[in-house]
Amino acid sequence: MSLAFEIDSNNVSFVAIGKPRKAFVYEKGERTEQRVKNANGVSVSRMDIALALNAEPQGRATLQAPDDLLDKLGFGTAYQPKGHVQIGVSPRDQFSVNVVLRADAVEEVFVAE
C-alpha cells in the first residue's frame, strides 16, 4: 500500500545527493522497458536527495522529475520545488519506507562551494 498527497511547495526543500537515473515501470516485480511518465505524459527520471519538510531534515528520499530538469541539478545544491508538488510514501520493508518527491519545476536556494 502506498500513500501520495499534494504538499505546499513552500514547505519543501532538498539537496541533490545523487545522479539522475531513468525511471521504468515495474510489473509483478519485474522491470519493463516502459518509462514512467508524469501527469503531462513526459518521461521522468529519479535522483537521490536529502529532503527537508518545514525546514526539518527528513533524511534520504527520491526526487522524480522530468529528464531535462534532473540533468540540470547540481550535486550538493539546495532546491525548492515550484508549482504542483506531491509526496509519496510506500513501504520498503517492515522497518523502513520509500519517500518520493514529485515535481515538474524547481528553483535554486543555495549553491555549495
Protein backbone atom coordinates (compact mmCIF):
# COMPACT_ATOMS: atom_id res chain seq x y z
CA MET A 1 0.00 0.00 0.00
CA SER A 2 1.26 3.46 -0.81
CA LEU A 3 0.10 6.94 0.07
CA ALA A 4 0.52 10.10 -2.03
CA PHE A 5 -0.63 13.64 -1.32
CA GLU A 6 -0.08 17.17 -2.56
CA ILE A 7 2.05 19.46 -0.43
CA ASP A 8 2.69 23.21 -0.47
CA SER A 9 5.99 23.73 -2.29
CA ASN A 10 6.95 26.45 0.23
CA ASN A 11 7.24 23.74 2.90
CA VAL A 12 9.69 21.56 0.95
CA SER A 13 13.40 21.85 0.21
CA PHE A 14 16.05 19.34 -0.78
CA VAL A 15 19.72 18.90 -1.60
CA ALA A 16 20.72 16.89 -4.68
CA ILE A 17 22.94 14.00 -3.50
CA GLY A 18 22.82 11.58 -6.43
CA LYS A 19 22.90 11.28 -10.19
CA PRO A 20 19.79 11.10 -12.38
CA ARG A 21 18.64 7.63 -13.44
CA LYS A 22 15.78 6.82 -15.79
CA ALA A 23 12.57 5.63 -14.13
CA PHE A 24 10.99 2.47 -15.55
CA VAL A 25 7.61 0.86 -14.92
CA TYR A 26 7.68 -2.37 -12.90
CA GLU A 27 5.06 -5.09 -13.35
CA LYS A 28 4.83 -8.01 -10.93
CA GLY A 29 8.26 -7.12 -9.56
CA GLU A 30 9.93 -7.12 -12.99
CA ARG A 31 11.27 -4.05 -14.76
CA THR A 32 9.78 -3.31 -18.16
CA GLU A 33 11.29 -1.11 -20.87
CA GLN A 34 8.35 1.28 -20.48
CA ARG A 35 9.35 4.64 -18.94
CA VAL A 36 7.45 6.21 -16.03
CA LYS A 37 5.63 9.36 -17.15
CA ASN A 38 4.26 12.28 -15.17
CA ALA A 39 0.68 13.59 -15.37
CA ASN A 40 1.63 15.55 -18.53
CA GLY A 41 2.89 12.41 -20.30
CA VAL A 42 6.58 13.43 -20.01
CA SER A 43 9.19 10.74 -19.22
CA VAL A 44 10.73 11.14 -15.77
CA SER A 45 13.96 10.19 -14.06
CA ARG A 46 14.84 9.78 -10.38
CA MET A 47 17.60 11.21 -8.20
CA ASP A 48 18.58 10.68 -4.57
CA ILE A 49 18.00 13.76 -2.42
CA ALA A 50 18.26 14.85 1.21
CA LEU A 51 14.73 16.05 1.99
CA ALA A 52 13.53 18.70 4.45
CA LEU A 53 9.90 19.45 5.31
CA ASN A 54 9.13 22.70 7.12
CA ALA A 55 12.91 23.22 7.49
CA GLU A 56 13.25 19.92 9.40
CA PRO A 57 15.57 17.27 7.89
CA GLN A 58 13.72 14.08 6.95
CA GLY A 59 16.59 12.01 5.58
CA ARG A 60 17.15 10.43 2.19
CA ALA A 61 14.35 10.43 -0.38
CA THR A 62 13.96 10.26 -4.16
CA LEU A 63 13.11 13.14 -6.47
CA GLN A 64 11.04 12.15 -9.50
CA ALA A 65 11.02 14.83 -12.21
CA PRO A 66 11.28 15.29 -15.99
CA ASP A 67 14.55 14.09 -17.52
CA ASP A 68 15.65 17.54 -18.70
CA LEU A 69 15.13 19.07 -15.24
CA LEU A 70 17.21 16.49 -13.37
CA ASP A 71 20.07 16.83 -15.86
CA LYS A 72 20.44 20.49 -14.76
CA LEU A 73 20.59 19.90 -10.98
CA GLY A 74 23.99 20.20 -9.29
CA PHE A 75 25.31 17.85 -6.62
CA GLY A 76 25.24 19.47 -3.17
CA THR A 77 22.98 22.31 -4.29
CA ALA A 78 19.78 23.09 -2.38
CA TYR A 79 16.50 23.50 -4.25
CA GLN A 80 12.85 24.18 -3.60
CA PRO A 81 10.16 22.73 -5.88
CA LYS A 82 7.80 25.11 -7.67
CA GLY A 83 4.21 24.57 -8.73
CA HIS A 84 2.45 21.23 -8.31
CA VAL A 85 4.33 19.09 -5.76
CA GLN A 86 3.41 15.64 -4.47
CA ILE A 87 4.95 13.41 -1.80
CA GLY A 88 4.51 9.65 -1.96
CA VAL A 89 5.26 7.14 0.79
CA SER A 90 5.35 3.37 0.34
CA PRO A 91 6.75 0.50 2.42
CA ARG A 92 10.25 -0.70 1.58
CA ASP A 93 10.38 -3.48 4.15
CA GLN A 94 8.94 -3.99 7.63
CA PHE A 95 11.24 -1.33 9.13
CA SER A 96 11.52 1.42 6.50
CA VAL A 97 9.65 3.36 3.85
CA ASN A 98 10.38 4.90 0.44
CA VAL A 99 9.67 8.62 0.16
CA VAL A 100 9.29 10.10 -3.32
CA LEU A 101 9.01 13.82 -4.07
CA ARG A 102 7.36 14.51 -7.45
CA ALA A 103 7.87 17.93 -9.04
CA ASP A 104 7.95 19.38 -12.55
CA ALA A 105 9.97 22.51 -11.72
CA VAL A 106 12.47 23.66 -9.06
CA GLU A 107 14.32 26.81 -8.10
CA GLU A 108 17.82 27.03 -6.67
CA VAL A 109 18.01 28.03 -3.00
CA PHE A 110 21.72 27.61 -2.19
CA VAL A 111 24.81 26.56 -4.14
CA ALA A 112 27.51 24.53 -2.35
CA GLU A 113 31.01 25.96 -2.79
